[in-house]
Amino acid sequence: MEVHAITRRVRMSPQKMREVVRQIQGLQAQTALAVLAAVPRKSARWVAKTLKSAIANAENNKQLKPENLRIKEAVAGAAPTLKRFTPKARGSAGPVLKRSCHIRIVLSDE
C-alpha cells in the first residue's frame, strides 16, 4: 500500500533540494530519517519534515507500521518562480529569479 506526503512552495531551488532527495531514495523510512539528521543542509530539514509527515499519514490513515515502510519515490519538482529585479549600471535592471520547489515523498510497505 502506498502513502504520500507533499510539501508545496518551499523557498529553495529544486536543484539544491534534489541533491538531498536523491540520497534517501530506496531506503527504509527510519534509516532515511537518520541520514537526513546527519546532512548539514537546510534542504535536509525540509525533506525530513515531509518524510515525517508521510510516516504519520501511514500510521494514522492506513494503520501501517513505520518500521515496514520504504521510500518508493522522492521527488523535488519546480514550483512557481518569483521574478524580481535588481539595479544595474546605467539605470538598467537585471532579473533575479527566486526559485521554489515542491517535495513529494511516496512510502510503500512492500
N, C-alpha and C. Protein backbone atom coordinates (compact mmCIF):
# COMPACT_ATOMS: atom_id res chain seq x y z
N MET A 1 0.84 -1.17 0.00
CA MET A 1 0.00 0.00 0.00
C MET A 1 0.89 1.24 0.00
N GLU A 2 0.50 2.24 -0.76
CA GLU A 2 1.30 3.46 -0.89
C GLU A 2 0.67 4.61 -0.11
N VAL A 3 1.55 5.42 0.47
CA VAL A 3 1.15 6.61 1.20
C VAL A 3 2.08 7.73 0.75
N HIS A 4 1.55 8.94 0.61
CA HIS A 4 2.42 10.03 0.18
C HIS A 4 2.19 11.29 1.01
N ALA A 5 3.18 12.18 0.92
CA ALA A 5 3.10 13.50 1.56
C ALA A 5 3.75 14.50 0.61
N ILE A 6 3.18 15.69 0.55
CA ILE A 6 3.69 16.73 -0.35
C ILE A 6 3.87 18.02 0.44
N THR A 7 5.01 18.64 0.28
CA THR A 7 5.25 19.97 0.82
C THR A 7 5.36 20.91 -0.36
N ARG A 8 4.53 21.92 -0.39
CA ARG A 8 4.47 22.80 -1.56
C ARG A 8 5.13 24.16 -1.30
N ARG A 9 5.64 24.73 -2.37
CA ARG A 9 6.21 26.08 -2.41
C ARG A 9 7.28 26.33 -1.37
N VAL A 10 8.25 25.44 -1.29
CA VAL A 10 9.40 25.63 -0.41
C VAL A 10 10.33 26.63 -1.09
N ARG A 11 10.72 27.68 -0.37
CA ARG A 11 11.54 28.73 -0.97
C ARG A 11 13.01 28.32 -1.06
N MET A 12 13.26 27.36 -1.94
CA MET A 12 14.62 26.88 -2.21
C MET A 12 14.60 26.30 -3.62
N SER A 13 15.69 26.42 -4.32
CA SER A 13 15.70 25.95 -5.70
C SER A 13 15.58 24.43 -5.75
N PRO A 14 14.90 23.90 -6.76
CA PRO A 14 14.74 22.46 -6.88
C PRO A 14 16.08 21.74 -7.06
N GLN A 15 17.02 22.41 -7.66
CA GLN A 15 18.33 21.80 -7.88
C GLN A 15 19.03 21.50 -6.55
N LYS A 16 18.96 22.43 -5.61
CA LYS A 16 19.55 22.21 -4.29
C LYS A 16 18.80 21.13 -3.52
N MET A 17 17.49 21.08 -3.69
CA MET A 17 16.67 20.11 -2.99
C MET A 17 16.92 18.70 -3.52
N ARG A 18 17.10 18.57 -4.83
CA ARG A 18 17.30 17.24 -5.44
C ARG A 18 18.55 16.56 -4.93
N GLU A 19 19.58 17.32 -4.59
CA GLU A 19 20.82 16.72 -4.08
C GLU A 19 20.56 15.92 -2.81
N VAL A 20 19.67 16.40 -1.97
CA VAL A 20 19.35 15.71 -0.72
C VAL A 20 18.34 14.59 -0.96
N VAL A 21 17.36 14.85 -1.82
CA VAL A 21 16.30 13.88 -2.07
C VAL A 21 16.86 12.60 -2.69
N ARG A 22 17.85 12.74 -3.55
CA ARG A 22 18.44 11.57 -4.20
C ARG A 22 19.14 10.65 -3.20
N GLN A 23 19.60 11.19 -2.09
CA GLN A 23 20.32 10.39 -1.09
C GLN A 23 19.41 9.40 -0.37
N ILE A 24 18.12 9.67 -0.30
CA ILE A 24 17.24 8.82 0.50
C ILE A 24 16.36 7.89 -0.32
N GLN A 25 16.40 7.97 -1.63
CA GLN A 25 15.54 7.11 -2.45
C GLN A 25 15.86 5.64 -2.23
N GLY A 26 14.84 4.85 -2.00
CA GLY A 26 15.01 3.42 -1.84
C GLY A 26 15.36 2.96 -0.43
N LEU A 27 15.60 3.88 0.50
CA LEU A 27 15.96 3.50 1.86
C LEU A 27 14.72 3.19 2.70
N GLN A 28 14.95 2.51 3.82
CA GLN A 28 13.90 2.35 4.82
C GLN A 28 13.60 3.74 5.39
N ALA A 29 12.37 3.97 5.80
CA ALA A 29 11.96 5.30 6.27
C ALA A 29 12.75 5.73 7.51
N GLN A 30 12.94 4.82 8.47
CA GLN A 30 13.68 5.17 9.70
C GLN A 30 15.15 5.44 9.39
N THR A 31 15.73 4.68 8.48
CA THR A 31 17.12 4.89 8.08
C THR A 31 17.27 6.24 7.38
N ALA A 32 16.30 6.58 6.55
CA ALA A 32 16.34 7.85 5.83
C ALA A 32 16.29 9.03 6.80
N LEU A 33 15.49 8.92 7.86
CA LEU A 33 15.45 9.99 8.87
C LEU A 33 16.81 10.16 9.54
N ALA A 34 17.48 9.04 9.81
CA ALA A 34 18.81 9.12 10.42
C ALA A 34 19.82 9.75 9.47
N VAL A 35 19.72 9.42 8.19
CA VAL A 35 20.62 10.01 7.19
C VAL A 35 20.38 11.51 7.09
N LEU A 36 19.11 11.91 7.06
CA LEU A 36 18.79 13.34 6.94
C LEU A 36 19.22 14.13 8.16
N ALA A 37 19.21 13.50 9.33
CA ALA A 37 19.65 14.19 10.55
C ALA A 37 21.14 14.51 10.49
N ALA A 38 21.90 13.73 9.72
CA ALA A 38 23.34 13.93 9.64
C ALA A 38 23.75 14.86 8.50
N VAL A 39 22.83 15.20 7.60
CA VAL A 39 23.15 16.05 6.45
C VAL A 39 23.06 17.52 6.88
N PRO A 40 24.15 18.28 6.76
CA PRO A 40 24.16 19.67 7.25
C PRO A 40 23.66 20.68 6.21
N ARG A 41 22.46 20.48 5.69
CA ARG A 41 21.91 21.40 4.70
C ARG A 41 20.50 21.80 5.10
N LYS A 42 20.11 23.01 4.70
CA LYS A 42 18.77 23.49 5.00
C LYS A 42 17.71 22.62 4.31
N SER A 43 18.02 22.14 3.11
CA SER A 43 17.07 21.32 2.38
C SER A 43 16.80 19.99 3.08
N ALA A 44 17.77 19.48 3.85
CA ALA A 44 17.57 18.22 4.57
C ALA A 44 16.48 18.36 5.62
N ARG A 45 16.35 19.53 6.24
CA ARG A 45 15.31 19.75 7.24
C ARG A 45 13.93 19.71 6.59
N TRP A 46 13.78 20.31 5.40
CA TRP A 46 12.50 20.29 4.70
C TRP A 46 12.13 18.88 4.27
N VAL A 47 13.11 18.12 3.77
CA VAL A 47 12.85 16.75 3.33
C VAL A 47 12.49 15.88 4.54
N ALA A 48 13.17 16.07 5.66
CA ALA A 48 12.87 15.31 6.88
C ALA A 48 11.46 15.61 7.37
N LYS A 49 11.06 16.87 7.30
CA LYS A 49 9.72 17.26 7.73
C LYS A 49 8.66 16.59 6.85
N THR A 50 8.90 16.54 5.55
CA THR A 50 7.98 15.89 4.63
C THR A 50 7.93 14.39 4.87
N LEU A 51 9.09 13.78 5.14
CA LEU A 51 9.16 12.35 5.40
C LEU A 51 8.42 11.99 6.69
N LYS A 52 8.57 12.81 7.72
CA LYS A 52 7.84 12.57 8.97
C LYS A 52 6.33 12.67 8.76
N SER A 53 5.92 13.59 7.90
CA SER A 53 4.52 13.72 7.58
C SER A 53 4.00 12.48 6.86
N ALA A 54 4.79 11.95 5.94
CA ALA A 54 4.38 10.74 5.21
C ALA A 54 4.29 9.54 6.15
N ILE A 55 5.22 9.44 7.10
CA ILE A 55 5.19 8.35 8.08
C ILE A 55 3.95 8.48 8.96
N ALA A 56 3.63 9.70 9.38
CA ALA A 56 2.44 9.92 10.20
C ALA A 56 1.17 9.60 9.42
N ASN A 57 1.15 9.93 8.13
CA ASN A 57 0.00 9.58 7.29
C ASN A 57 -0.18 8.07 7.23
N ALA A 58 0.93 7.35 7.11
CA ALA A 58 0.87 5.89 7.02
C ALA A 58 0.34 5.29 8.33
N GLU A 59 0.81 5.81 9.46
CA GLU A 59 0.38 5.29 10.76
C GLU A 59 -1.09 5.60 11.05
N ASN A 60 -1.48 6.84 10.85
CA ASN A 60 -2.81 7.27 11.27
C ASN A 60 -3.91 6.95 10.26
N ASN A 61 -3.61 7.06 8.97
CA ASN A 61 -4.66 6.87 7.97
C ASN A 61 -4.75 5.43 7.47
N LYS A 62 -3.61 4.74 7.37
CA LYS A 62 -3.61 3.39 6.80
C LYS A 62 -3.23 2.31 7.81
N GLN A 63 -2.94 2.69 9.05
CA GLN A 63 -2.57 1.76 10.13
C GLN A 63 -1.38 0.88 9.72
N LEU A 64 -0.36 1.49 9.14
CA LEU A 64 0.86 0.76 8.77
C LEU A 64 1.93 0.99 9.83
N LYS A 65 2.83 0.02 9.98
CA LYS A 65 3.91 0.14 10.95
C LYS A 65 5.08 0.89 10.31
N PRO A 66 5.67 1.88 11.02
CA PRO A 66 6.75 2.68 10.43
C PRO A 66 8.00 1.87 10.10
N GLU A 67 8.25 0.79 10.85
CA GLU A 67 9.47 0.01 10.57
C GLU A 67 9.37 -0.79 9.28
N ASN A 68 8.16 -0.95 8.72
CA ASN A 68 7.99 -1.69 7.47
C ASN A 68 8.00 -0.79 6.24
N LEU A 69 8.06 0.51 6.43
CA LEU A 69 7.94 1.44 5.32
C LEU A 69 9.27 1.68 4.61
N ARG A 70 9.19 1.77 3.30
CA ARG A 70 10.35 2.04 2.45
C ARG A 70 10.00 3.21 1.53
N ILE A 71 10.99 4.03 1.22
CA ILE A 71 10.75 5.16 0.33
C ILE A 71 10.74 4.65 -1.11
N LYS A 72 9.57 4.71 -1.72
CA LYS A 72 9.42 4.24 -3.08
C LYS A 72 9.80 5.33 -4.07
N GLU A 73 9.43 6.56 -3.75
CA GLU A 73 9.69 7.68 -4.65
C GLU A 73 9.90 8.94 -3.83
N ALA A 74 10.91 9.71 -4.18
CA ALA A 74 11.16 11.01 -3.55
C ALA A 74 11.55 11.98 -4.66
N VAL A 75 10.74 13.02 -4.84
CA VAL A 75 10.92 13.92 -5.97
C VAL A 75 10.87 15.36 -5.49
N ALA A 76 11.73 16.20 -6.07
CA ALA A 76 11.67 17.64 -5.84
C ALA A 76 11.46 18.30 -7.20
N GLY A 77 10.28 18.86 -7.39
CA GLY A 77 9.95 19.49 -8.68
C GLY A 77 9.84 20.99 -8.53
N ALA A 78 9.82 21.65 -9.67
CA ALA A 78 9.78 23.11 -9.69
C ALA A 78 8.39 23.62 -9.31
N ALA A 79 8.38 24.73 -8.59
CA ALA A 79 7.15 25.44 -8.21
C ALA A 79 7.22 26.83 -8.86
N PRO A 80 6.19 27.65 -8.69
CA PRO A 80 6.24 28.99 -9.29
C PRO A 80 7.45 29.80 -8.84
N THR A 81 8.04 30.51 -9.78
CA THR A 81 9.23 31.31 -9.54
C THR A 81 8.84 32.77 -9.34
N LEU A 82 9.38 33.39 -8.30
CA LEU A 82 9.16 34.82 -8.07
C LEU A 82 10.16 35.59 -8.93
N LYS A 83 9.67 36.55 -9.68
CA LYS A 83 10.54 37.34 -10.56
C LYS A 83 10.74 38.73 -9.95
N ARG A 84 11.98 39.05 -9.66
CA ARG A 84 12.33 40.34 -9.08
C ARG A 84 13.41 40.98 -9.95
N PHE A 85 13.70 42.26 -9.69
CA PHE A 85 14.72 42.96 -10.47
C PHE A 85 15.68 43.66 -9.53
N THR A 86 16.94 43.72 -9.95
CA THR A 86 17.96 44.42 -9.19
C THR A 86 18.57 45.51 -10.07
N PRO A 87 18.94 46.64 -9.48
CA PRO A 87 19.52 47.72 -10.29
C PRO A 87 20.87 47.33 -10.87
N LYS A 88 21.08 47.75 -12.10
CA LYS A 88 22.35 47.51 -12.79
C LYS A 88 22.91 48.85 -13.26
N ALA A 89 24.01 48.79 -13.94
CA ALA A 89 24.69 50.00 -14.41
C ALA A 89 23.83 50.77 -15.42
N ARG A 90 24.01 52.09 -15.45
CA ARG A 90 23.36 52.99 -16.39
C ARG A 90 21.84 52.95 -16.33
N GLY A 91 21.30 52.72 -15.15
CA GLY A 91 19.86 52.79 -14.97
C GLY A 91 19.07 51.60 -15.47
N SER A 92 19.74 50.55 -15.84
CA SER A 92 19.01 49.37 -16.31
C SER A 92 18.70 48.45 -15.12
N ALA A 93 17.96 47.39 -15.39
CA ALA A 93 17.58 46.46 -14.34
C ALA A 93 17.92 45.04 -14.78
N GLY A 94 18.42 44.25 -13.83
CA GLY A 94 18.74 42.85 -14.12
C GLY A 94 17.76 41.94 -13.40
N PRO A 95 17.33 40.87 -14.06
CA PRO A 95 16.35 39.98 -13.43
C PRO A 95 16.97 39.12 -12.33
N VAL A 96 16.17 38.85 -11.30
CA VAL A 96 16.54 37.93 -10.22
C VAL A 96 15.40 36.91 -10.13
N LEU A 97 15.71 35.64 -10.30
CA LEU A 97 14.71 34.58 -10.22
C LEU A 97 14.81 33.90 -8.87
N LYS A 98 13.77 34.04 -8.06
CA LYS A 98 13.74 33.41 -6.74
C LYS A 98 12.93 32.13 -6.88
N ARG A 99 13.64 31.03 -7.00
CA ARG A 99 13.00 29.75 -7.31
C ARG A 99 12.44 29.08 -6.06
N SER A 100 11.44 28.26 -6.27
CA SER A 100 10.86 27.47 -5.19
C SER A 100 10.54 26.08 -5.73
N CYS A 101 10.23 25.15 -4.83
CA CYS A 101 10.01 23.77 -5.26
C CYS A 101 8.93 23.09 -4.43
N HIS A 102 8.44 21.97 -4.96
CA HIS A 102 7.52 21.08 -4.27
C HIS A 102 8.28 19.79 -3.95
N ILE A 103 8.09 19.25 -2.74
CA ILE A 103 8.72 17.98 -2.36
C ILE A 103 7.61 16.94 -2.26
N ARG A 104 7.81 15.79 -2.91
CA ARG A 104 6.81 14.71 -2.88
C ARG A 104 7.53 13.42 -2.49
N ILE A 105 7.03 12.78 -1.42
CA ILE A 105 7.61 11.53 -0.95
C ILE A 105 6.51 10.48 -0.90
N VAL A 106 6.78 9.33 -1.53
CA VAL A 106 5.84 8.21 -1.56
C VAL A 106 6.47 7.05 -0.79
N LEU A 107 5.73 6.55 0.21
CA LEU A 107 6.17 5.41 1.00
C LEU A 107 5.36 4.18 0.63
N SER A 108 6.00 3.02 0.70
CA SER A 108 5.33 1.77 0.39
C SER A 108 5.71 0.74 1.44
N ASP A 109 4.81 -0.20 1.72
CA ASP A 109 5.11 -1.23 2.70
C ASP A 109 5.50 -2.55 2.03
N GLU A 110 5.61 -2.59 0.72
CA GLU A 110 6.04 -3.81 0.03
C GLU A 110 7.55 -3.95 0.10
